[in-house]
Amino acid sequence: MTTLKHLGFDNHQLPPYVNIAGNLPTDIKIPLLKRKVSFLNSICNELNPYLPIPEHIKKKLQMVRIDNFSDPFEITNRLVVILEDSVEELQALQAQEKQGQIVH
């Protein structure tokens, strides 16, 4: 079984917004996707498109490659798309793993 330690990282070295490559082993990719989904959810919970965007939220948005802050509704839409894509990928991997279709 491959772990983050086997790849030269510990769990705290990889940010929750890391771009998750397709060639990572599933037992690494699933936890990273979970962290990414959690991170995106936290942004969604904090972001209010009717108020100015606080600096700490702008920094989080930049971490997921959203850096145009002129239209809060566009930001919200992009954030939702990224979140949906991440959740769908996570669910698909978990279903495949449950069915034994993925070899670690």
PDB file of N, CA and C in Angstrom:
ATOM      1  N   MET A   1       0.837  -1.175   0.000  1.00  0.00           N
ATOM      2  CA  MET A   1       0.000   0.000   0.000  1.00  0.00           C
ATOM      3  C   MET A   1       0.885   1.243   0.000  1.00  0.00           C
ATOM      4  N   THR A   2       0.603   2.166  -0.890  1.00  0.00           N
ATOM      5  CA  THR A   2       1.344   3.409  -0.976  1.00  0.00           C
ATOM      6  C   THR A   2       0.763   4.402   0.013  1.00  0.00           C
ATOM      7  N   THR A   3       1.629   5.116   0.696  1.00  0.00           N
ATOM      8  CA  THR A   3       1.175   6.143   1.623  1.00  0.00           C
ATOM      9  C   THR A   3       1.859   7.453   1.281  1.00  0.00           C
ATOM     10  N   LEU A   4       1.385   8.532   1.908  1.00  0.00           N
ATOM     11  CA  LEU A   4       2.049   9.817   1.710  1.00  0.00           C
ATOM     12  C   LEU A   4       3.502   9.746   2.163  1.00  0.00           C
ATOM     13  N   LYS A   5       3.758   9.006   3.238  1.00  0.00           N
ATOM     14  CA  LYS A   5       5.140   8.857   3.728  1.00  0.00           C
ATOM     15  C   LYS A   5       6.008   8.166   2.685  1.00  0.00           C
ATOM     16  N   HIS A   6       5.445   7.149   1.986  1.00  0.00           N
ATOM     17  CA  HIS A   6       6.198   6.472   0.930  1.00  0.00           C
ATOM     18  C   HIS A   6       6.544   7.417  -0.216  1.00  0.00           C
ATOM     19  N   LEU A   7       5.705   8.432  -0.406  1.00  0.00           N
ATOM     20  CA  LEU A   7       5.954   9.410  -1.463  1.00  0.00           C
ATOM     21  C   LEU A   7       6.825  10.565  -0.985  1.00  0.00           C
ATOM     22  N   GLY A   8       7.238  10.528   0.286  1.00  0.00           N
ATOM     23  CA  GLY A   8       8.125  11.551   0.817  1.00  0.00           C
ATOM     24  C   GLY A   8       7.393  12.715   1.475  1.00  0.00           C
ATOM     25  N   PHE A   9       6.114  12.557   1.825  1.00  0.00           N
ATOM     26  CA  PHE A   9       5.341  13.620   2.452  1.00  0.00           C
ATOM     27  C   PHE A   9       4.719  13.101   3.733  1.00  0.00           C
ATOM     28  N   ASP A  10       4.416  14.022   4.634  1.00  0.00           N
ATOM     29  CA  ASP A  10       3.508  13.638   5.704  1.00  0.00           C
ATOM     30  C   ASP A  10       2.190  14.351   5.446  1.00  0.00           C
ATOM     31  N   ASN A  11       1.180  13.991   6.174  1.00  0.00           N
ATOM     32  CA  ASN A  11      -0.170  14.474   5.922  1.00  0.00           C
ATOM     33  C   ASN A  11      -0.277  15.993   6.012  1.00  0.00           C
ATOM     34  N   HIS A  12       0.600  16.624   6.773  1.00  0.00           N
ATOM     35  CA  HIS A  12       0.510  18.063   6.974  1.00  0.00           C
ATOM     36  C   HIS A  12       1.274  18.856   5.916  1.00  0.00           C
ATOM     37  N   GLN A  13       2.066  18.192   5.088  1.00  0.00           N
ATOM     38  CA  GLN A  13       2.817  18.899   4.065  1.00  0.00           C
ATOM     39  C   GLN A  13       1.981  19.192   2.828  1.00  0.00           C
ATOM     40  N   LEU A  14       0.950  18.406   2.589  1.00  0.00           N
ATOM     41  CA  LEU A  14       0.134  18.611   1.403  1.00  0.00           C
ATOM     42  C   LEU A  14      -1.062  19.476   1.747  1.00  0.00           C
ATOM     43  N   PRO A  15      -1.219  20.602   1.058  1.00  0.00           N
ATOM     44  CA  PRO A  15      -2.357  21.472   1.343  1.00  0.00           C
ATOM     45  C   PRO A  15      -3.661  20.815   0.901  1.00  0.00           C
ATOM     46  N   PRO A  16      -4.780  21.188   1.510  1.00  0.00           N
ATOM     47  CA  PRO A  16      -6.062  20.566   1.180  1.00  0.00           C
ATOM     48  C   PRO A  16      -6.538  20.898  -0.224  1.00  0.00           C
ATOM     49  N   TYR A  17      -5.951  21.893  -0.840  1.00  0.00           N
ATOM     50  CA  TYR A  17      -6.376  22.337  -2.155  1.00  0.00           C
ATOM     51  C   TYR A  17      -5.454  21.820  -3.250  1.00  0.00           C
ATOM     52  N   VAL A  18      -4.577  20.893  -2.907  1.00  0.00           N
ATOM     53  CA  VAL A  18      -3.603  20.373  -3.860  1.00  0.00           C
ATOM     54  C   VAL A  18      -4.308  19.884  -5.130  1.00  0.00           C
ATOM     55  N   ASN A  19      -3.691  20.152  -6.281  1.00  0.00           N
ATOM     56  CA  ASN A  19      -4.219  19.645  -7.539  1.00  0.00           C
ATOM     57  C   ASN A  19      -3.940  18.150  -7.579  1.00  0.00           C
ATOM     58  N   ILE A  20      -4.990  17.364  -7.615  1.00  0.00           N
ATOM     59  CA  ILE A  20      -4.857  15.915  -7.465  1.00  0.00           C
ATOM     60  C   ILE A  20      -4.712  15.278  -8.838  1.00  0.00           C
ATOM     61  N   ALA A  21      -3.518  14.770  -9.091  1.00  0.00           N
ATOM     62  CA  ALA A  21      -3.214  14.176 -10.389  1.00  0.00           C
ATOM     63  C   ALA A  21      -3.889  12.826 -10.542  1.00  0.00           C
ATOM     64  N   GLY A  22      -4.184  12.474 -11.782  1.00  0.00           N
ATOM     65  CA  GLY A  22      -4.868  11.227 -12.079  1.00  0.00           C
ATOM     66  C   GLY A  22      -4.041   9.983 -11.836  1.00  0.00           C
ATOM     67  N   ASN A  23      -2.725  10.100 -11.747  1.00  0.00           N
ATOM     68  CA  ASN A  23      -1.889   8.916 -11.621  1.00  0.00           C
ATOM     69  C   ASN A  23      -1.528   8.566 -10.176  1.00  0.00           C
ATOM     70  N   LEU A  24      -2.133   9.243  -9.213  1.00  0.00           N
ATOM     71  CA  LEU A  24      -1.886   8.890  -7.815  1.00  0.00           C
ATOM     72  C   LEU A  24      -2.622   7.604  -7.471  1.00  0.00           C
ATOM     73  N   PRO A  25      -2.060   6.803  -6.586  1.00  0.00           N
ATOM     74  CA  PRO A  25      -2.786   5.613  -6.125  1.00  0.00           C
ATOM     75  C   PRO A  25      -4.076   6.025  -5.415  1.00  0.00           C
ATOM     76  N   THR A  26      -5.072   5.194  -5.515  1.00  0.00           N
ATOM     77  CA  THR A  26      -6.389   5.498  -4.957  1.00  0.00           C
ATOM     78  C   THR A  26      -6.333   5.730  -3.457  1.00  0.00           C
ATOM     79  N   ASP A  27      -5.522   4.951  -2.747  1.00  0.00           N
ATOM     80  CA  ASP A  27      -5.462   5.119  -1.298  1.00  0.00           C
ATOM     81  C   ASP A  27      -4.809   6.439  -0.890  1.00  0.00           C
ATOM     82  N   ILE A  28      -4.177   7.134  -1.820  1.00  0.00           N
ATOM     83  CA  ILE A  28      -3.669   8.486  -1.603  1.00  0.00           C
ATOM     84  C   ILE A  28      -4.689   9.502  -2.118  1.00  0.00           C
ATOM     85  N   LYS A  29      -5.244   9.212  -3.271  1.00  0.00           N
ATOM     86  CA  LYS A  29      -6.140  10.158  -3.933  1.00  0.00           C
ATOM     87  C   LYS A  29      -7.441  10.397  -3.149  1.00  0.00           C
ATOM     88  N   ILE A  30      -8.018   9.347  -2.593  1.00  0.00           N
ATOM     89  CA  ILE A  30      -9.282   9.496  -1.861  1.00  0.00           C
ATOM     90  C   ILE A  30      -9.122  10.431  -0.655  1.00  0.00           C
ATOM     91  N   PRO A  31      -8.116  10.243   0.204  1.00  0.00           N
ATOM     92  CA  PRO A  31      -7.966  11.183   1.328  1.00  0.00           C
ATOM     93  C   PRO A  31      -7.702  12.624   0.873  1.00  0.00           C
ATOM     94  N   LEU A  32      -6.948  12.776  -0.217  1.00  0.00           N
ATOM     95  CA  LEU A  32      -6.689  14.125  -0.724  1.00  0.00           C
ATOM     96  C   LEU A  32      -7.968  14.765  -1.251  1.00  0.00           C
ATOM     97  N   LEU A  33      -8.784  13.991  -1.938  1.00  0.00           N
ATOM     98  CA  LEU A  33     -10.063  14.515  -2.420  1.00  0.00           C
ATOM     99  C   LEU A  33     -10.982  14.878  -1.255  1.00  0.00           C
ATOM    100  N   LYS A  34     -10.962  14.074  -0.209  1.00  0.00           N
ATOM    101  CA  LYS A  34     -11.767  14.397   0.974  1.00  0.00           C
ATOM    102  C   LYS A  34     -11.335  15.727   1.573  1.00  0.00           C
ATOM    103  N   ARG A  35     -10.035  15.947   1.662  1.00  0.00           N
ATOM    104  CA  ARG A  35      -9.520  17.222   2.191  1.00  0.00           C
ATOM    105  C   ARG A  35      -9.912  18.374   1.283  1.00  0.00           C
ATOM    106  N   LYS A  36      -9.823  18.156  -0.033  1.00  0.00           N
ATOM    107  CA  LYS A  36     -10.182  19.206  -0.981  1.00  0.00           C
ATOM    108  C   LYS A  36     -11.660  19.556  -0.856  1.00  0.00           C
ATOM    109  N   VAL A  37     -12.517  18.560  -0.773  1.00  0.00           N
ATOM    110  CA  VAL A  37     -13.960  18.792  -0.634  1.00  0.00           C
ATOM    111  C   VAL A  37     -14.235  19.541   0.662  1.00  0.00           C
ATOM    112  N   SER A  38     -13.591  19.159   1.725  1.00  0.00           N
ATOM    113  CA  SER A  38     -13.770  19.833   3.006  1.00  0.00           C
ATOM    114  C   SER A  38     -13.329  21.299   2.919  1.00  0.00           C
ATOM    115  N   PHE A  39     -12.200  21.530   2.284  1.00  0.00           N
ATOM    116  CA  PHE A  39     -11.682  22.884   2.103  1.00  0.00           C
ATOM    117  C   PHE A  39     -12.657  23.726   1.281  1.00  0.00           C
ATOM    118  N   LEU A  40     -13.157  23.174   0.185  1.00  0.00           N
ATOM    119  CA  LEU A  40     -14.105  23.894  -0.663  1.00  0.00           C
ATOM    120  C   LEU A  40     -15.407  24.167   0.076  1.00  0.00           C
ATOM    121  N   ASN A  41     -15.866  23.198   0.853  1.00  0.00           N
ATOM    122  CA  ASN A  41     -17.075  23.403   1.658  1.00  0.00           C
ATOM    123  C   ASN A  41     -16.893  24.545   2.643  1.00  0.00           C
ATOM    124  N   SER A  42     -15.718  24.624   3.245  1.00  0.00           N
ATOM    125  CA  SER A  42     -15.476  25.702   4.206  1.00  0.00           C
ATOM    126  C   SER A  42     -15.539  27.067   3.528  1.00  0.00           C
ATOM    127  N   ILE A  43     -15.029  27.150   2.303  1.00  0.00           N
ATOM    128  CA  ILE A  43     -15.113  28.416   1.566  1.00  0.00           C
ATOM    129  C   ILE A  43     -16.573  28.739   1.272  1.00  0.00           C
ATOM    130  N   CYS A  44     -17.318  27.737   0.800  1.00  0.00           N
ATOM    131  CA  CYS A  44     -18.741  27.952   0.491  1.00  0.00           C
ATOM    132  C   CYS A  44     -19.510  28.433   1.717  1.00  0.00           C
ATOM    133  N   ASN A  45     -19.192  27.885   2.870  1.00  0.00           N
ATOM    134  CA  ASN A  45     -19.880  28.279   4.094  1.00  0.00           C
ATOM    135  C   ASN A  45     -19.546  29.703   4.529  1.00  0.00           C
ATOM    136  N   GLU A  46     -18.357  30.160   4.189  1.00  0.00           N
ATOM    137  CA  GLU A  46     -17.926  31.502   4.595  1.00  0.00           C
ATOM    138  C   GLU A  46     -18.293  32.589   3.596  1.00  0.00           C
ATOM    139  N   LEU A  47     -18.423  32.233   2.346  1.00  0.00           N
ATOM    140  CA  LEU A  47     -18.610  33.224   1.292  1.00  0.00           C
ATOM    141  C   LEU A  47     -20.058  33.695   1.226  1.00  0.00           C
ATOM    142  N   ASN A  48     -20.228  34.999   1.259  1.00  0.00           N
ATOM    143  CA  ASN A  48     -21.542  35.617   1.102  1.00  0.00           C
ATOM    144  C   ASN A  48     -21.462  36.559  -0.090  1.00  0.00           C
ATOM    145  N   PRO A  49     -22.107  36.237  -1.216  1.00  0.00           N
ATOM    146  CA  PRO A  49     -21.975  37.064  -2.415  1.00  0.00           C
ATOM    147  C   PRO A  49     -22.579  38.464  -2.271  1.00  0.00           C
ATOM    148  N   TYR A  50     -23.292  38.709  -1.196  1.00  0.00           N
ATOM    149  CA  TYR A  50     -23.901  40.022  -0.980  1.00  0.00           C
ATOM    150  C   TYR A  50     -23.029  40.958  -0.159  1.00  0.00           C
ATOM    151  N   LEU A  51     -21.918  40.452   0.339  1.00  0.00           N
ATOM    152  CA  LEU A  51     -20.999  41.255   1.144  1.00  0.00           C
ATOM    153  C   LEU A  51     -19.638  41.293   0.476  1.00  0.00           C
ATOM    154  N   PRO A  52     -18.828  42.302   0.789  1.00  0.00           N
ATOM    155  CA  PRO A  52     -17.452  42.305   0.267  1.00  0.00           C
ATOM    156  C   PRO A  52     -16.711  41.047   0.737  1.00  0.00           C
ATOM    157  N   ILE A  53     -15.822  40.569  -0.110  1.00  0.00           N
ATOM    158  CA  ILE A  53     -15.095  39.335   0.196  1.00  0.00           C
ATOM    159  C   ILE A  53     -13.922  39.670   1.125  1.00  0.00           C
ATOM    160  N   PRO A  54     -13.904  39.085   2.309  1.00  0.00           N
ATOM    161  CA  PRO A  54     -12.783  39.326   3.228  1.00  0.00           C
ATOM    162  C   PRO A  54     -11.468  38.778   2.663  1.00  0.00           C
ATOM    163  N   GLU A  55     -10.375  39.363   3.102  1.00  0.00           N
ATOM    164  CA  GLU A  55      -9.048  38.976   2.606  1.00  0.00           C
ATOM    165  C   GLU A  55      -8.750  37.496   2.840  1.00  0.00           C
ATOM    166  N   HIS A  56      -9.139  36.965   3.994  1.00  0.00           N
ATOM    167  CA  HIS A  56      -8.809  35.559   4.270  1.00  0.00           C
ATOM    168  C   HIS A  56      -9.561  34.619   3.314  1.00  0.00           C
ATOM    169  N   ILE A  57     -10.737  35.021   2.856  1.00  0.00           N
ATOM    170  CA  ILE A  57     -11.464  34.203   1.884  1.00  0.00           C
ATOM    171  C   ILE A  57     -10.844  34.372   0.498  1.00  0.00           C
ATOM    172  N   LYS A  58     -10.400  35.581   0.169  1.00  0.00           N
ATOM    173  CA  LYS A  58      -9.712  35.790  -1.111  1.00  0.00           C
ATOM    174  C   LYS A  58      -8.486  34.890  -1.213  1.00  0.00           C
ATOM    175  N   LYS A  59      -7.744  34.773  -0.112  1.00  0.00           N
ATOM    176  CA  LYS A  59      -6.550  33.915  -0.116  1.00  0.00           C
ATOM    177  C   LYS A  59      -6.936  32.452  -0.357  1.00  0.00           C
ATOM    178  N   LYS A  60      -8.021  32.018   0.280  1.00  0.00           N
ATOM    179  CA  LYS A  60      -8.486  30.643   0.065  1.00  0.00           C
ATOM    180  C   LYS A  60      -8.931  30.440  -1.378  1.00  0.00           C
ATOM    181  N   LEU A  61      -9.628  31.427  -1.935  1.00  0.00           N
ATOM    182  CA  LEU A  61     -10.087  31.330  -3.325  1.00  0.00           C
ATOM    183  C   LEU A  61      -8.896  31.260  -4.284  1.00  0.00           C
ATOM    184  N   GLN A  62      -7.860  32.021  -4.001  1.00  0.00           N
ATOM    185  CA  GLN A  62      -6.668  31.984  -4.845  1.00  0.00           C
ATOM    186  C   GLN A  62      -6.007  30.608  -4.798  1.00  0.00           C
ATOM    187  N   MET A  63      -6.140  29.930  -3.672  1.00  0.00           N
ATOM    188  CA  MET A  63      -5.560  28.591  -3.546  1.00  0.00           C
ATOM    189  C   MET A  63      -6.223  27.590  -4.484  1.00  0.00           C
ATOM    190  N   VAL A  64      -7.467  27.865  -4.877  1.00  0.00           N
ATOM    191  CA  VAL A  64      -8.167  26.984  -5.814  1.00  0.00           C
ATOM    192  C   VAL A  64      -8.285  27.648  -7.191  1.00  0.00           C
ATOM    193  N   ARG A  65      -7.365  28.581  -7.429  1.00  0.00           N
ATOM    194  CA  ARG A  65      -7.222  29.248  -8.730  1.00  0.00           C
ATOM    195  C   ARG A  65      -8.427  30.109  -9.116  1.00  0.00           C
ATOM    196  N   ILE A  66      -9.031  30.730  -8.139  1.00  0.00           N
ATOM    197  CA  ILE A  66     -10.053  31.745  -8.394  1.00  0.00           C
ATOM    198  C   ILE A  66      -9.450  33.051  -7.911  1.00  0.00           C
ATOM    199  N   ASP A  67      -9.138  33.935  -8.859  1.00  0.00           N
ATOM    200  CA  ASP A  67      -8.463  35.169  -8.461  1.00  0.00           C
ATOM    201  C   ASP A  67      -9.083  36.438  -9.031  1.00  0.00           C
ATOM    202  N   ASN A  68     -10.203  36.325  -9.693  1.00  0.00           N
ATOM    203  CA  ASN A  68     -10.944  37.501 -10.145  1.00  0.00           C
ATOM    204  C   ASN A  68     -12.114  37.691  -9.186  1.00  0.00           C
ATOM    205  N   PHE A  69     -12.057  38.769  -8.427  1.00  0.00           N
ATOM    206  CA  PHE A  69     -13.041  38.987  -7.373  1.00  0.00           C
ATOM    207  C   PHE A  69     -14.080  40.046  -7.734  1.00  0.00           C
ATOM    208  N   SER A  70     -14.176  40.395  -9.011  1.00  0.00           N
ATOM    209  CA  SER A  70     -15.085  41.470  -9.416  1.00  0.00           C
ATOM    210  C   SER A  70     -16.553  41.054  -9.406  1.00  0.00           C
ATOM    211  N   ASP A  71     -16.844  39.774  -9.612  1.00  0.00           N
ATOM    212  CA  ASP A  71     -18.232  39.313  -9.658  1.00  0.00           C
ATOM    213  C   ASP A  71     -18.425  38.176  -8.659  1.00  0.00           C
ATOM    214  N   PRO A  72     -18.972  38.478  -7.488  1.00  0.00           N
ATOM    215  CA  PRO A  72     -19.139  37.453  -6.457  1.00  0.00           C
ATOM    216  C   PRO A  72     -20.009  36.275  -6.896  1.00  0.00           C
ATOM    217  N   PHE A  73     -20.952  36.514  -7.789  1.00  0.00           N
ATOM    218  CA  PHE A  73     -21.812  35.419  -8.238  1.00  0.00           C
ATOM    219  C   PHE A  73     -21.064  34.486  -9.184  1.00  0.00           C
ATOM    220  N   GLU A  74     -20.169  35.029  -9.977  1.00  0.00           N
ATOM    221  CA  GLU A  74     -19.317  34.185 -10.824  1.00  0.00           C
ATOM    222  C   GLU A  74     -18.380  33.348  -9.947  1.00  0.00           C
ATOM    223  N   ILE A  75     -17.858  33.957  -8.905  1.00  0.00           N
ATOM    224  CA  ILE A  75     -17.000  33.232  -7.964  1.00  0.00           C
ATOM    225  C   ILE A  75     -17.767  32.063  -7.360  1.00  0.00           C
ATOM    226  N   THR A  76     -18.982  32.342  -6.918  1.00  0.00           N
ATOM    227  CA  THR A  76     -19.820  31.301  -6.311  1.00  0.00           C
ATOM    228  C   THR A  76     -20.079  30.175  -7.297  1.00  0.00           C
ATOM    229  N   ASN A  77     -20.395  30.533  -8.534  1.00  0.00           N
ATOM    230  CA  ASN A  77     -20.652  29.510  -9.554  1.00  0.00           C
ATOM    231  C   ASN A  77     -19.415  28.661  -9.827  1.00  0.00           C
ATOM    232  N   ARG A  78     -18.262  29.287  -9.959  1.00  0.00           N
ATOM    233  CA  ARG A  78     -17.021  28.532 -10.202  1.00  0.00           C
ATOM    234  C   ARG A  78     -16.701  27.620  -9.025  1.00  0.00           C
ATOM    235  N   LEU A  79     -16.905  28.142  -7.831  1.00  0.00           N
ATOM    236  CA  LEU A  79     -16.651  27.360  -6.633  1.00  0.00           C
ATOM    237  C   LEU A  79     -17.550  26.135  -6.572  1.00  0.00           C
ATOM    238  N   VAL A  80     -18.806  26.313  -6.909  1.00  0.00           N
ATOM    239  CA  VAL A  80     -19.754  25.197  -6.900  1.00  0.00           C
ATOM    240  C   VAL A  80     -19.356  24.145  -7.943  1.00  0.00           C
ATOM    241  N   VAL A  81     -18.935  24.575  -9.111  1.00  0.00           N
ATOM    242  CA  VAL A  81     -18.519  23.636 -10.159  1.00  0.00           C
ATOM    243  C   VAL A  81     -17.300  22.828  -9.704  1.00  0.00           C
ATOM    244  N   ILE A  82     -16.315  23.515  -9.124  1.00  0.00           N
ATOM    245  CA  ILE A  82     -15.115  22.815  -8.634  1.00  0.00           C
ATOM    246  C   ILE A  82     -15.507  21.819  -7.549  1.00  0.00           C
ATOM    247  N   LEU A  83     -16.384  22.237  -6.647  1.00  0.00           N
ATOM    248  CA  LEU A  83     -16.834  21.359  -5.568  1.00  0.00           C
ATOM    249  C   LEU A  83     -17.584  20.156  -6.118  1.00  0.00           C
ATOM    250  N   GLU A  84     -18.512  20.381  -7.037  1.00  0.00           N
ATOM    251  CA  GLU A  84     -19.273  19.272  -7.629  1.00  0.00           C
ATOM    252  C   GLU A  84     -18.354  18.280  -8.326  1.00  0.00           C
ATOM    253  N   ASP A  85     -17.406  18.788  -9.099  1.00  0.00           N
ATOM    254  CA  ASP A  85     -16.467  17.905  -9.801  1.00  0.00           C
ATOM    255  C   ASP A  85     -15.658  17.069  -8.818  1.00  0.00           C
ATOM    256  N   SER A  86     -15.222  17.689  -7.744  1.00  0.00           N
ATOM    257  CA  SER A  86     -14.425  16.981  -6.737  1.00  0.00           C
ATOM    258  C   SER A  86     -15.251  15.919  -6.026  1.00  0.00           C
ATOM    259  N   VAL A  87     -16.495  16.254  -5.670  1.00  0.00           N
ATOM    260  CA  VAL A  87     -17.379  15.299  -4.997  1.00  0.00           C
ATOM    261  C   VAL A  87     -17.684  14.124  -5.921  1.00  0.00           C
ATOM    262  N   GLU A  88     -17.967  14.398  -7.187  1.00  0.00           N
ATOM    263  CA  GLU A  88     -18.260  13.329  -8.144  1.00  0.00           C
ATOM    264  C   GLU A  88     -17.067  12.398  -8.309  1.00  0.00           C
ATOM    265  N   GLU A  89     -15.873  12.969  -8.412  1.00  0.00           N
ATOM    266  CA  GLU A  89     -14.672  12.146  -8.555  1.00  0.00           C
ATOM    267  C   GLU A  89     -14.459  11.299  -7.303  1.00  0.00           C
ATOM    268  N   LEU A  90     -14.643  11.900  -6.139  1.00  0.00           N
ATOM    269  CA  LEU A  90     -14.488  11.175  -4.881  1.00  0.00           C
ATOM    270  C   LEU A  90     -15.483  10.028  -4.780  1.00  0.00           C
ATOM    271  N   GLN A  91     -16.739  10.293  -5.087  1.00  0.00           N
ATOM    272  CA  GLN A  91     -17.765   9.249  -5.014  1.00  0.00           C
ATOM    273  C   GLN A  91     -17.500   8.123  -5.999  1.00  0.00           C
ATOM    274  N   ALA A  92     -17.042   8.463  -7.188  1.00  0.00           N
ATOM    275  CA  ALA A  92     -16.740   7.435  -8.188  1.00  0.00           C
ATOM    276  C   ALA A  92     -15.591   6.545  -7.714  1.00  0.00           C
ATOM    277  N   LEU A  93     -14.542   7.155  -7.168  1.00  0.00           N
ATOM    278  CA  LEU A  93     -13.408   6.373  -6.670  1.00  0.00           C
ATOM    279  C   LEU A  93     -13.806   5.497  -5.492  1.00  0.00           C
ATOM    280  N   GLN A  94     -14.616   6.045  -4.595  1.00  0.00           N
ATOM    281  CA  GLN A  94     -15.065   5.261  -3.445  1.00  0.00           C
ATOM    282  C   GLN A  94     -15.932   4.085  -3.885  1.00  0.00           C
ATOM    283  N   ALA A  95     -16.781   4.296  -4.875  1.00  0.00           N
ATOM    284  CA  ALA A  95     -17.632   3.212  -5.382  1.00  0.00           C
ATOM    285  C   ALA A  95     -16.785   2.135  -6.042  1.00  0.00           C
ATOM    286  N   GLN A  96     -15.797   2.545  -6.838  1.00  0.00           N
ATOM    287  CA  GLN A  96     -14.910   1.586  -7.485  1.00  0.00           C
ATOM    288  C   GLN A  96     -14.096   0.808  -6.459  1.00  0.00           C
ATOM    289  N   GLU A  97     -13.622   1.508  -5.451  1.00  0.00           N
ATOM    290  CA  GLU A  97     -12.839   0.849  -4.413  1.00  0.00           C
ATOM    291  C   GLU A  97     -13.691  -0.146  -3.647  1.00  0.00           C
ATOM    292  N   LYS A  98     -14.919   0.251  -3.349  1.00  0.00           N
ATOM    293  CA  LYS A  98     -15.848  -0.642  -2.629  1.00  0.00           C
ATOM    294  C   LYS A  98     -16.131  -1.914  -3.424  1.00  0.00           C
ATOM    295  N   GLN A  99     -16.215  -1.773  -4.736  1.00  0.00           N
ATOM    296  CA  GLN A  99     -16.510  -2.924  -5.594  1.00  0.00           C
ATOM    297  C   GLN A  99     -15.245  -3.721  -5.920  1.00  0.00           C
ATOM    298  N   GLY A 100     -14.122  -3.253  -5.424  1.00  0.00           N
ATOM    299  CA  GLY A 100     -12.865  -3.973  -5.644  1.00  0.00           C
ATOM    300  C   GLY A 100     -12.300  -3.802  -7.029  1.00  0.00           C
ATOM    301  N   GLN A 101     -12.707  -2.743  -7.738  1.00  0.00           N
ATOM    302  CA  GLN A 101     -12.243  -2.522  -9.109  1.00  0.00           C
ATOM    303  C   GLN A 101     -10.910  -1.792  -9.189  1.00  0.00           C
ATOM    304  N   ILE A 102     -10.458  -1.275  -8.065  1.00  0.00           N
ATOM    305  CA  ILE A 102      -9.214  -0.520  -8.077  1.00  0.00           C
ATOM    306  C   ILE A 102      -8.162  -1.295  -7.309  1.00  0.00           C
ATOM    307  N   VAL A 103      -6.999  -1.424  -7.929  1.00  0.00           N
ATOM    308  CA  VAL A 103      -5.878  -2.085  -7.274  1.00  0.00           C
ATOM    309  C   VAL A 103      -4.967  -1.000  -6.755  1.00  0.00           C
ATOM    310  N   HIS A 104      -4.576  -1.106  -5.484  1.00  0.00           N
ATOM    311  CA  HIS A 104      -3.718  -0.098  -4.855  1.00  0.00           C
ATOM    312  C   HIS A 104      -2.289  -0.303  -5.252  1.00  0.00           C
TER     313      HIS A 104
END
